[in-house]
């Protein structure tokens, strides 16, 4: 049968159109992984036909929803979460959960996957758990296994390998029972990562090798490269550099053979990092330069950023400081591009989600045709917005409250640990704040806290996280910041606050700060709790040594 081409003229006969839509949707499945761009074309054509030619009915909406799910799957394969998430949200609107439970479960799985790629981990966990429950109620073992794979990956991203293992082991049992090798392959890769992080080296190697074997037999070369990279990481984690190099070289060979240029750049970068760890600086520079060239040719910004950073470290070890500075400046420049692009991408995704949600709510309100009910809905929206503000913001200063700061900081520190990035944590105490309260009253004390907050916000970067830890104590997380950078930043904070005294009862009240700093630079695996304890100890030393000073934890 010849393949149906998108945009070709189709007659409006309902039965013929329905058959063409079904044919298009059947073709998207096998193509989703092997040729996601083509799968996306077919899914979009199916959605167009469902929207334009099918009768407006529940069955029509269900077909449209299935086409939107097919679009979402292809978009996720292309890492286009910003387009995939709205597809899944719109698909959910097409189904009746009580009747179309399988389709609803598929849409929930897609939403959870998209939110995970976007980095919205709490929302991802919520959708994935709903999908898991739906597939279990349907007794759909394939769907349950697919969700558990995603849950395993999510817990790995959160740095909780022990929580990932039960989901992945259950997914493996289901995949083997179903003899579904395409499902088993990624399970083995994630199991290899989880075992490695839990210190079960032999299990990690066995799972990784099984993943390589399956991907080779299936002829899925991108998966084969990923599996080889995972084995390289397993050995690198144990400082078995020779074996790690072997697997990354194999990965590079496969990527080069099948023209997987992004994977080739990544493999060369990993080879360079291992040589750097072994002290083979010239070999490291050669591999990193090769990775940099490939990444530049394909405009892979994230790889460019990581290559520049690794090169800066290599040149620094050879005391070639001009080259090291140049590489680090290049790293900062690309980092800003990557950060800004990803920030814009996430904001646009959230805007689209908001628009879709608003459209749905507006349609519901219109259908109600009841002013009293509409008013109740609006009041609920305001109450929900108020609750969300209370849950995340400090009511006095408007910055992150303690709970919300800890939630954000925990996620960022886990990412810094996973990618070996520098991060610093600052704890601040307002000197003699109790005396201010006792002398001038609590209103003046509140005024002081608000003034300090505004002064600090004027100095901090957009990526820095400022929170009120309690009373007159503030806490700041400084991503991508070394101890030296943190010290310079806190000096500017002290100066900005000191230049803005508060006036009460005709008296100018000078404000000084005691500050404690901690960093993960020398110990990249430090947790949030450990950084908080160290910064708090440094803050205590600042206060004991006369206040109005900065102390770094040693």
Protein backbone atom coordinates (compact mmCIF):
# COMPACT_ATOMS: atom_id res chain seq x y z
CA UNK A 1 0.00 0.00 0.00
CA UNK A 2 1.45 3.41 -0.89
CA UNK A 3 2.04 5.84 1.94
CA UNK A 4 -0.49 8.62 2.38
CA UNK A 5 1.11 12.01 1.88
CA UNK A 6 0.19 14.95 4.11
CA UNK A 7 -1.87 17.75 2.56
CA UNK A 8 -3.11 15.65 -0.36
CA UNK A 9 -6.76 16.30 -1.33
CA UNK A 10 -9.20 14.00 0.42
CA UNK A 11 -12.89 13.58 -0.34
CA UNK A 12 -15.37 14.51 2.37
CA UNK A 13 -17.13 11.13 2.51
CA UNK A 14 -17.27 10.43 6.27
CA UNK A 15 -16.51 6.71 5.99
CA UNK A 16 -13.61 7.25 3.59
CA UNK A 17 -12.23 10.03 5.79
CA UNK A 18 -12.47 7.87 8.90
CA UNK A 19 -10.58 5.09 7.13
CA UNK A 20 -7.85 7.51 6.03
CA UNK A 21 -7.50 8.87 9.58
CA UNK A 22 -7.16 5.33 10.98
CA UNK A 23 -4.56 4.49 8.31
CA UNK A 24 -2.55 7.59 9.20
CA UNK A 25 -2.65 6.81 12.91
CA UNK A 26 -1.60 3.18 12.33
CA UNK A 27 1.45 4.41 10.43
CA UNK A 28 2.58 6.83 13.13
CA UNK A 29 3.24 4.08 15.72
CA UNK A 30 6.18 2.28 14.10
CA UNK A 31 7.67 5.59 12.92
CA UNK A 32 7.57 7.42 16.25
CA UNK A 33 11.04 6.26 17.34
CA UNK A 34 12.70 5.51 14.01
CA UNK A 35 11.50 8.61 12.11
CA UNK A 36 9.71 10.99 14.50
CA UNK A 37 9.58 13.86 11.98
CA UNK A 38 7.62 11.73 9.52
CA UNK A 39 5.40 10.41 12.33
CA UNK A 40 4.64 14.01 13.29
CA UNK A 41 3.62 14.87 9.73
CA UNK A 42 1.21 11.95 9.59
CA UNK A 43 -0.26 12.69 13.03
CA UNK A 44 -0.84 16.33 12.13
CA UNK A 45 -2.59 15.33 8.93
CA UNK A 46 -4.81 12.95 10.93
CA UNK A 47 -5.66 15.75 13.36
CA UNK A 48 -6.46 18.11 10.48
CA UNK A 49 -8.81 15.60 8.90
CA UNK A 50 -10.47 14.82 12.23
CA UNK A 51 -10.99 18.51 12.88
CA UNK A 52 -12.24 19.50 9.43
CA UNK A 53 -14.09 16.56 7.92
CA UNK A 54 -15.45 14.35 10.68
CA UNK A 55 -18.86 15.12 12.18
CA UNK A 56 -18.89 17.07 15.44
CA UNK A 57 -19.64 14.28 17.92
CA UNK A 58 -18.14 12.40 20.83
CA UNK A 59 -16.61 9.88 18.41
CA UNK A 60 -15.10 12.72 16.41
CA UNK A 61 -13.54 14.23 19.54
CA UNK A 62 -12.10 10.84 20.49
CA UNK A 63 -10.43 10.45 17.07
CA UNK A 64 -9.07 13.98 17.31
CA UNK A 65 -7.71 13.18 20.78
CA UNK A 66 -5.93 10.09 19.50
CA UNK A 67 -4.34 12.16 16.73
CA UNK A 68 -3.17 14.72 19.30
CA UNK A 69 -1.61 11.94 21.40
CA UNK A 70 0.23 10.67 18.32
CA UNK A 71 1.52 14.21 17.74
CA UNK A 72 2.65 14.46 21.36
CA UNK A 73 4.59 11.18 21.18
CA UNK A 74 6.47 12.28 18.07
CA UNK A 75 7.21 15.70 19.57
CA UNK A 76 8.62 14.17 22.74
CA UNK A 77 10.97 12.04 20.63
CA UNK A 78 12.14 15.34 19.13
CA UNK A 79 12.52 16.85 22.65
CA UNK A 80 9.91 19.47 21.74
CA UNK A 81 8.15 19.36 25.10
CA UNK A 82 6.93 22.93 24.57
CA UNK A 83 4.73 21.67 21.70
CA UNK A 84 3.98 18.21 23.10
CA UNK A 85 2.48 19.32 26.42
CA UNK A 86 -0.32 21.44 24.85
CA UNK A 87 -1.14 18.50 22.54
CA UNK A 88 -1.67 16.20 25.51
CA UNK A 89 -3.70 18.79 27.42
CA UNK A 90 -5.95 19.29 24.41
CA UNK A 91 -6.21 15.51 23.98
CA UNK A 92 -7.47 15.11 27.55
CA UNK A 93 -10.30 17.51 26.71
CA UNK A 94 -11.40 15.17 23.91
CA UNK A 95 -12.01 12.14 26.13
CA UNK A 96 -14.60 11.03 28.62
CA UNK A 97 -12.45 9.47 31.38
CA UNK A 98 -15.20 7.04 32.35
CA UNK A 99 -15.46 5.64 28.79
CA UNK A 100 -12.15 6.47 27.10
CA UNK A 101 -10.01 5.34 30.02
CA UNK A 102 -7.18 3.93 27.88
CA UNK A 103 -6.83 7.12 25.86
CA UNK A 104 -6.99 9.20 29.04
CA UNK A 105 -4.20 7.11 30.57
CA UNK A 106 -2.06 7.59 27.43
CA UNK A 107 -2.56 11.38 27.60
CA UNK A 108 -1.64 11.45 31.30
CA UNK A 109 1.53 9.44 30.57
CA UNK A 110 2.47 11.89 27.82
CA UNK A 111 1.83 14.89 30.07
CA UNK A 112 3.99 13.39 32.80
CA UNK A 113 6.80 12.72 30.32
CA UNK A 114 6.63 16.25 28.93
CA UNK A 115 6.64 17.85 32.38
CA UNK A 116 9.67 15.71 33.30
CA UNK A 117 11.62 16.92 30.24
CA UNK A 118 10.66 20.50 31.13
CA UNK A 119 12.02 19.99 34.66
CA UNK A 120 8.65 20.40 36.40
CA UNK A 121 9.19 17.31 38.54
CA UNK A 122 6.30 17.63 41.04
CA UNK A 123 3.78 18.00 38.20
CA UNK A 124 5.46 15.14 36.31
CA UNK A 125 5.14 12.85 39.34
CA UNK A 126 1.48 13.79 39.77
CA UNK A 127 0.54 12.97 36.15
CA UNK A 128 2.62 9.77 36.06
CA UNK A 129 1.03 8.43 39.25
CA UNK A 130 -2.43 9.13 37.81
CA UNK A 131 -1.43 7.31 34.61
CA UNK A 132 -0.09 4.35 36.62
CA UNK A 133 -3.35 4.05 38.53
CA UNK A 134 -5.35 4.24 35.28
CA UNK A 135 -3.34 1.52 33.53
CA UNK A 136 -3.48 -0.73 36.60
CA UNK A 137 -7.26 -0.37 36.73
CA UNK A 138 -7.35 -1.37 33.05
CA UNK A 139 -5.01 -4.31 33.78
CA UNK A 140 -2.91 -2.98 30.89
CA UNK A 141 0.55 -4.41 31.61
CA UNK A 142 2.25 -2.71 28.67
CA UNK A 143 0.95 0.69 29.75
CA UNK A 144 1.89 0.05 33.38
CA UNK A 145 5.43 -0.91 32.35
CA UNK A 146 5.77 2.26 30.22
CA UNK A 147 4.71 4.45 33.15
CA UNK A 148 7.07 2.69 35.57
CA UNK A 149 9.98 3.30 33.17
CA UNK A 150 9.19 7.02 33.27
CA UNK A 151 8.84 6.97 37.06
CA UNK A 152 12.21 5.25 37.32
CA UNK A 153 13.79 7.91 35.11
CA UNK A 154 12.12 10.69 37.12
CA UNK A 155 13.47 9.39 40.43
CA UNK A 156 16.94 9.09 38.86
CA UNK A 157 16.72 12.74 37.82
CA UNK A 158 15.76 13.58 41.40
CA UNK A 159 18.81 11.65 42.65
CA UNK A 160 16.68 9.02 44.41
CA UNK A 161 17.94 5.78 42.88
CA UNK A 162 16.53 3.66 45.71
CA UNK A 163 13.02 4.86 44.82
CA UNK A 164 13.70 4.30 41.11
CA UNK A 165 14.68 0.63 41.51
CA UNK A 166 11.27 -0.88 42.48
CA UNK A 167 9.56 0.76 39.49
CA UNK A 168 12.31 -0.31 37.08
CA UNK A 169 12.45 -3.89 38.37
CA UNK A 170 8.67 -4.21 38.01
CA UNK A 171 8.88 -2.71 34.51
CA UNK A 172 11.57 -5.27 33.62
CA UNK A 173 9.40 -8.17 34.82
CA UNK A 174 6.47 -6.90 32.74
CA UNK A 175 8.59 -6.26 29.63
CA UNK A 176 10.11 -9.75 29.79
CA UNK A 177 6.70 -11.33 30.41
CA UNK A 178 5.36 -9.47 27.35
CA UNK A 179 8.59 -10.29 25.39
CA UNK A 180 8.71 -6.62 24.41
CA UNK A 181 12.37 -5.91 23.63
CA UNK A 182 11.71 -2.27 22.68
CA UNK A 183 10.36 -1.76 26.17
CA UNK A 184 13.01 -3.85 27.91
CA UNK A 185 15.96 -1.98 26.36
CA UNK A 186 15.44 1.42 28.08
CA UNK A 187 14.55 -0.37 31.32
CA UNK A 188 17.96 -2.06 31.30
CA UNK A 189 19.72 1.27 30.73
CA UNK A 190 17.94 3.02 33.59
CA UNK A 191 18.49 -0.03 35.80
CA UNK A 192 22.20 0.19 35.03
CA UNK A 193 22.22 3.82 36.17
CA UNK A 194 20.19 3.06 39.31
CA UNK A 195 22.34 0.06 40.29
CA UNK A 196 25.48 2.15 39.80
CA UNK A 197 24.19 4.96 42.01
CA UNK A 198 23.26 2.40 44.68
CA UNK A 199 26.77 0.90 44.61
CA UNK A 200 25.71 -2.39 42.96
CA UNK A 201 28.43 -2.38 40.33
CA UNK A 202 28.07 -5.91 38.94
CA UNK A 203 24.32 -5.50 38.52
CA UNK A 204 24.91 -2.18 36.79
CA UNK A 205 27.34 -3.74 34.29
CA UNK A 206 25.05 -6.69 33.56
CA UNK A 207 22.05 -4.44 32.93
CA UNK A 208 24.09 -2.10 30.73
CA UNK A 209 25.49 -4.95 28.62
CA UNK A 210 22.00 -6.41 28.19
CA UNK A 211 20.78 -3.00 27.02
CA UNK A 212 23.58 -2.80 24.44
CA UNK A 213 22.75 -6.30 23.20
CA UNK A 214 19.04 -5.54 22.74
CA UNK A 215 19.61 -2.24 20.95
CA UNK A 216 22.14 -3.90 18.63
CA UNK A 217 19.67 -6.66 17.78
CA UNK A 218 16.90 -4.14 17.17
CA UNK A 219 19.16 -1.94 15.04
CA UNK A 220 18.35 1.15 17.15
CA UNK A 221 21.70 2.90 16.97
CA UNK A 222 20.82 5.92 19.11
CA UNK A 223 19.85 3.54 21.91
CA UNK A 224 23.04 1.53 21.43
CA UNK A 225 25.11 4.70 21.83
CA UNK A 226 23.17 5.64 24.97
CA UNK A 227 23.71 2.16 26.42
CA UNK A 228 27.46 2.29 25.75
CA UNK A 229 27.63 5.75 27.33
CA UNK A 230 25.84 4.42 30.40
CA UNK A 231 28.43 1.66 30.79
CA UNK A 232 31.17 4.24 30.43
CA UNK A 233 29.57 6.28 33.23
CA UNK A 234 29.28 3.16 35.42
CA UNK A 235 33.01 2.51 35.21
CA UNK A 236 33.87 6.22 35.45
CA UNK A 237 31.92 6.43 38.72
CA UNK A 238 34.27 3.71 40.13
CA UNK A 239 37.37 5.47 38.76
CA UNK A 240 38.02 2.52 36.43
CA UNK A 241 39.16 4.92 33.75
CA UNK A 242 40.54 2.36 31.29
CA UNK A 243 37.25 0.47 31.01
CA UNK A 244 35.30 3.73 30.93
CA UNK A 245 37.43 4.91 27.99
CA UNK A 246 36.82 1.64 26.13
CA UNK A 247 33.05 2.08 26.27
CA UNK A 248 33.10 5.74 25.32
CA UNK A 249 35.37 4.91 22.36
CA UNK A 250 32.89 2.19 21.31
CA UNK A 251 30.10 4.74 21.64
CA UNK A 252 32.02 7.18 19.45
CA UNK A 253 32.63 4.47 16.83
CA UNK A 254 28.91 3.59 16.60
CA UNK A 255 27.88 7.25 16.53
CA UNK A 256 30.38 7.98 13.75
CA UNK A 257 29.38 4.92 11.73
CA UNK A 258 25.69 5.83 11.75
CA UNK A 259 26.20 9.61 11.57
CA UNK A 260 24.82 10.37 15.03
CA UNK A 261 26.78 13.61 15.36
CA UNK A 262 25.35 14.87 18.62
CA UNK A 263 26.10 11.52 20.26
CA UNK A 264 29.59 11.59 18.69
CA UNK A 265 30.28 15.02 20.20
CA UNK A 266 29.06 13.83 23.59
CA UNK A 267 31.27 10.71 23.45
CA UNK A 268 34.37 12.74 22.58
CA UNK A 269 33.61 15.14 25.44
CA UNK A 270 33.34 12.25 27.90
CA UNK A 271 36.62 10.82 26.61
CA UNK A 272 38.23 14.21 27.19
CA UNK A 273 36.87 14.41 30.75
CA UNK A 274 38.24 10.95 31.58
CA UNK A 275 41.68 11.85 30.23
CA UNK A 276 41.49 15.01 32.33
CA UNK A 277 40.75 12.91 35.43
CA UNK A 278 43.73 10.69 34.59
CA UNK A 279 46.04 13.69 34.18
CA UNK A 280 46.49 13.11 30.41
CA UNK A 281 46.02 16.78 29.61
CA UNK A 282 47.14 16.73 25.95
CA UNK A 283 44.83 13.79 25.16
CA UNK A 284 42.02 15.53 27.03
CA UNK A 285 42.44 18.76 25.05
CA UNK A 286 42.54 16.85 21.76
CA UNK A 287 39.29 14.97 22.52
CA UNK A 288 37.56 18.10 23.82
CA UNK A 289 38.59 20.11 20.76
CA UNK A 290 37.16 17.37 18.55
CA UNK A 291 33.90 17.45 20.50
CA UNK A 292 33.84 21.24 20.29
CA UNK A 293 34.26 21.17 16.51
CA UNK A 294 31.41 18.72 16.01
CA UNK A 295 29.12 20.57 18.44
CA UNK A 296 29.84 23.85 16.60
CA UNK A 297 29.00 22.30 13.23
CA UNK A 298 25.60 21.05 14.42
CA UNK A 299 24.98 24.07 16.68
CA UNK A 300 24.53 21.90 19.79
CA UNK A 301 24.62 24.69 22.37
CA UNK A 302 24.57 22.53 25.49
CA UNK A 303 27.49 20.41 24.25
CA UNK A 304 29.37 23.60 23.30
CA UNK A 305 28.89 24.91 26.82
CA UNK A 306 30.14 21.71 28.48
CA UNK A 307 33.13 21.45 26.12
CA UNK A 308 34.24 25.03 26.87
CA UNK A 309 33.95 24.36 30.60
CA UNK A 310 36.01 21.16 30.42
CA UNK A 311 38.63 22.90 28.25
CA UNK A 312 38.92 25.70 30.81
CA UNK A 313 39.70 23.09 33.47
CA UNK A 314 42.26 21.38 31.21
CA UNK A 315 44.09 24.63 30.36
CA UNK A 316 44.07 25.64 34.02
CA UNK A 317 45.84 22.39 34.97
CA UNK A 318 48.62 23.18 32.46
CA UNK A 319 48.78 26.74 33.89
CA UNK A 320 47.89 28.12 30.48
CA UNK A 321 45.78 30.80 32.11
CA UNK A 322 45.06 32.94 29.00
CA UNK A 323 43.60 29.87 27.24
CA UNK A 324 41.75 28.86 30.40
CA UNK A 325 40.24 32.34 30.71
CA UNK A 326 39.22 32.37 27.04
CA UNK A 327 37.55 28.95 27.37
CA UNK A 328 35.76 29.99 30.56
CA UNK A 329 34.51 33.22 28.95
CA UNK A 330 33.21 31.15 26.03
CA UNK A 331 31.50 28.85 28.51
CA UNK A 332 29.78 31.79 30.25
CA UNK A 333 28.66 33.24 26.91
CA UNK A 334 27.10 29.96 25.73
CA UNK A 335 25.65 29.31 29.20
CA UNK A 336 23.76 32.59 29.00
CA UNK A 337 22.40 31.64 25.56
CA UNK A 338 21.33 28.17 26.73
CA UNK A 339 19.83 29.48 29.95
CA UNK A 340 17.89 32.28 28.26
CA UNK A 341 16.63 30.04 25.46
CA UNK A 342 15.47 27.37 27.91
CA UNK A 343 13.88 29.99 30.16
CA UNK A 344 11.97 31.46 27.20
CA UNK A 345 10.97 27.99 26.06
CA UNK A 346 9.55 27.12 29.47
CA UNK A 347 7.75 30.43 29.80
CA UNK A 348 6.14 30.01 26.40
CA UNK A 349 5.08 26.48 27.32
CA UNK A 350 3.49 27.71 30.53
CA UNK A 351 1.74 30.49 28.61
CA UNK A 352 0.31 27.97 26.14
CA UNK A 353 -0.79 25.69 28.98
CA UNK A 354 -2.42 28.70 30.64
CA UNK A 355 -4.18 29.65 27.41
CA UNK A 356 -5.48 26.11 26.89
CA UNK A 357 -6.66 25.90 30.48
CA UNK A 358 -8.33 29.31 30.22
CA UNK A 359 -10.04 28.32 26.98
CA UNK A 360 -11.38 25.18 28.64
CA UNK A 361 -12.60 27.06 31.70
CA UNK A 362 -14.17 29.78 29.56
CA UNK A 363 -16.06 27.15 27.58
CA UNK A 364 -17.36 25.62 30.80
CA UNK A 365 -18.49 29.00 32.09
CA UNK A 366 -20.22 29.79 28.81
CA UNK A 367 -22.09 26.50 28.91
CA UNK A 368 -23.28 27.02 32.47
CA UNK A 369 -25.32 30.13 31.48
CA UNK A 370 -25.72 30.88 35.12
CA UNK A 371 -24.34 34.09 36.59
CA UNK A 372 -24.29 32.75 40.14
CA UNK A 373 -22.24 29.70 39.16
CA UNK A 374 -19.87 31.85 37.10
CA UNK A 375 -19.28 34.10 40.11
CA UNK A 376 -18.53 31.07 42.28
CA UNK A 377 -15.96 29.82 39.75
CA UNK A 378 -14.21 33.20 39.68
CA UNK A 379 -14.10 33.28 43.48
CA UNK A 380 -12.57 29.83 43.50
CA UNK A 381 -9.92 30.97 41.01
CA UNK A 382 -9.01 33.89 43.26
CA UNK A 383 -8.93 31.67 46.32
CA UNK A 384 -6.70 29.18 44.53
CA UNK A 385 -4.35 31.97 43.43
CA UNK A 386 -4.24 33.29 47.01
CA UNK A 387 -3.51 29.82 48.37
CA UNK A 388 -0.71 29.37 45.84
CA UNK A 389 0.81 32.69 46.93
CA UNK A 390 0.56 31.72 50.59
CA UNK A 391 2.18 28.38 49.86
CA UNK A 392 5.23 29.87 48.17
CA UNK A 393 5.71 33.51 49.25
CA UNK A 394 6.70 35.13 52.50
CA UNK A 395 3.76 37.36 53.39
CA UNK A 396 5.92 40.30 54.57
CA UNK A 397 8.71 40.53 52.00
CA UNK A 398 7.14 38.78 49.00
CA UNK A 399 10.20 36.54 48.46
CA UNK A 400 10.23 32.74 48.69
CA UNK A 401 9.21 31.38 52.05
CA UNK A 402 11.27 28.73 53.83
CA UNK A 403 9.33 25.73 52.48
CA UNK A 404 9.34 26.93 48.88
CA UNK A 405 13.02 27.93 49.01
CA UNK A 406 13.98 24.47 50.29
CA UNK A 407 11.94 22.85 47.52
CA UNK A 408 13.63 24.87 44.74
CA UNK A 409 17.10 24.72 46.30
CA UNK A 410 16.92 20.95 46.77
CA UNK A 411 16.17 20.43 43.08
CA UNK A 412 18.92 22.83 41.91
CA UNK A 413 21.54 21.33 44.23
CA UNK A 414 20.67 17.81 43.04
CA UNK A 415 21.20 18.99 39.46
CA UNK A 416 24.49 20.68 40.40
CA UNK A 417 25.63 17.45 42.06
CA UNK A 418 24.61 15.34 39.07
CA UNK A 419 26.42 17.55 36.54
CA UNK A 420 29.32 18.55 38.84
CA UNK A 421 28.45 22.26 38.73
CA UNK A 422 29.49 24.79 41.39
CA UNK A 423 26.86 26.16 43.75
CA UNK A 424 27.15 28.33 46.87
CA UNK A 425 24.73 28.89 49.75
CA UNK A 426 24.50 32.06 51.84
CA UNK A 427 22.88 32.50 55.27
CA UNK A 428 22.31 36.06 56.52
CA UNK A 429 21.35 37.41 59.93
CA UNK A 430 20.44 41.06 60.60
CA UNK A 431 22.71 42.38 63.34
CA UNK A 432 20.97 43.56 66.55
CA UNK A 433 17.52 43.05 65.06
CA UNK A 434 15.94 42.22 68.42
CA UNK A 435 17.18 45.51 69.88
CA UNK A 436 15.66 47.37 66.90
CA UNK A 437 12.31 45.69 67.54
CA UNK A 438 12.46 46.40 71.29
CA UNK A 439 13.52 50.04 70.79
CA UNK A 440 11.51 51.16 67.77
CA UNK A 441 8.66 48.62 67.62
CA UNK A 442 7.71 45.74 65.35
CA UNK A 443 6.49 48.01 62.53
CA UNK A 444 9.98 49.43 62.22
CA UNK A 445 11.37 45.89 62.36
CA UNK A 446 9.12 44.92 59.46
CA UNK A 447 10.24 48.03 57.58
CA UNK A 448 13.88 47.00 58.10
CA UNK A 449 13.25 43.49 56.71
CA UNK A 450 11.43 44.86 53.66
CA UNK A 451 14.21 47.41 53.00
CA UNK A 452 16.91 44.70 53.29
CA UNK A 453 14.97 42.47 50.88
CA UNK A 454 14.70 45.23 48.26
CA UNK A 455 18.39 46.10 48.57
CA UNK A 456 19.44 42.46 48.10
CA UNK A 457 17.09 41.92 45.15
CA UNK A 458 18.71 44.90 43.39
CA UNK A 459 22.11 43.19 43.61
CA UNK A 460 21.26 39.52 43.00
CA UNK A 461 21.11 37.91 39.55
CA UNK A 462 17.90 36.55 38.06
CA UNK A 463 19.13 32.97 38.55
CA UNK A 464 19.81 33.46 42.27
CA UNK A 465 17.17 32.24 44.75
CA UNK A 466 16.44 34.51 47.74
CA UNK A 467 14.30 33.27 50.62
CA UNK A 468 13.29 34.28 54.12
CA UNK A 469 14.42 31.47 56.38
CA UNK A 470 12.68 32.75 59.50
CA UNK A 471 12.54 35.91 61.62
CA UNK A 472 15.46 38.13 60.59
CA UNK A 473 17.30 35.32 58.82
CA UNK A 474 17.62 35.14 55.02
CA UNK A 475 19.07 32.43 52.79
CA UNK A 476 20.34 32.66 49.21
CA UNK A 477 21.26 29.97 46.69
CA UNK A 478 23.84 31.06 44.10
CA UNK A 479 23.90 28.61 41.14
CA UNK A 480 27.06 28.36 39.02
CA UNK A 481 28.98 30.30 41.71
CA UNK A 482 32.37 29.46 43.19
CA UNK A 483 33.44 30.50 46.72
CA UNK A 484 35.27 33.53 45.27
CA UNK A 485 32.19 34.58 43.33
CA UNK A 486 29.99 34.09 46.40
CA UNK A 487 32.28 36.26 48.51
CA UNK A 488 32.21 39.06 45.93
CA UNK A 489 28.43 38.82 45.70
CA UNK A 490 27.93 38.98 49.48
CA UNK A 491 30.30 41.94 49.75
CA UNK A 492 28.06 43.81 47.32
CA UNK A 493 24.99 42.73 49.33
CA UNK A 494 26.47 44.07 52.58
CA UNK A 495 27.39 47.34 50.92
CA UNK A 496 23.95 47.76 49.31
CA UNK A 497 22.18 47.15 52.62
CA UNK A 498 24.53 49.44 54.57
CA UNK A 499 23.86 52.29 52.10
CA UNK A 500 20.12 52.15 52.83
CA UNK A 501 19.57 52.91 56.55
CA UNK A 502 16.01 52.98 57.88
CA UNK A 503 14.61 56.09 59.55
CA UNK A 504 12.30 55.75 62.57
CA UNK A 505 11.22 58.52 64.93
CA UNK A 506 13.66 60.91 63.30
CA UNK A 507 16.55 58.52 63.95
CA UNK A 508 18.61 56.93 61.17
CA UNK A 509 19.11 53.24 61.97
CA UNK A 510 22.25 51.74 60.40
CA UNK A 511 21.87 48.16 59.20
CA UNK A 512 24.67 45.61 59.12
CA UNK A 513 24.64 41.92 58.28
CA UNK A 514 26.42 38.83 59.57
CA UNK A 515 26.92 36.34 56.74
CA UNK A 516 27.91 32.68 56.49
CA UNK A 517 28.96 31.03 53.21
CA UNK A 518 29.27 27.40 52.11
CA UNK A 519 30.05 25.84 48.72
CA UNK A 520 30.13 22.41 47.06
CA UNK A 521 33.23 23.14 44.97
CA UNK A 522 35.57 20.86 46.93
CA UNK A 523 32.81 18.34 47.75
CA UNK A 524 30.37 18.22 44.79
CA UNK A 525 28.13 15.57 46.41
CA UNK A 526 27.05 17.80 49.32
CA UNK A 527 23.30 17.78 49.97
CA UNK A 528 21.15 20.83 50.70
CA UNK A 529 21.03 19.92 54.41
CA UNK A 530 24.82 19.71 54.59
CA UNK A 531 25.26 23.07 52.83
CA UNK A 532 22.70 24.67 55.17
CA UNK A 533 24.50 23.28 58.23
CA UNK A 534 27.85 24.56 57.01
CA UNK A 535 26.55 28.01 56.11
CA UNK A 536 24.80 28.20 59.50
CA UNK A 537 28.06 27.30 61.28
CA UNK A 538 29.90 30.00 59.30
CA UNK A 539 27.13 32.49 60.20
CA UNK A 540 27.53 31.60 63.86
CA UNK A 541 31.28 32.32 63.60
CA UNK A 542 30.53 35.70 62.00
CA UNK A 543 28.31 36.66 64.93
CA UNK A 544 30.75 35.36 67.54
CA UNK A 545 33.62 37.30 65.94
CA UNK A 546 31.96 40.70 66.18
CA UNK A 547 29.18 40.66 63.56
CA UNK A 548 29.10 42.79 60.37
CA UNK A 549 31.34 40.33 58.56
CA UNK A 550 31.43 37.45 56.08
CA UNK A 551 32.74 34.03 57.09
CA UNK A 552 33.32 31.13 54.72
CA UNK A 553 32.95 27.60 56.11
CA UNK A 554 36.34 25.89 56.33
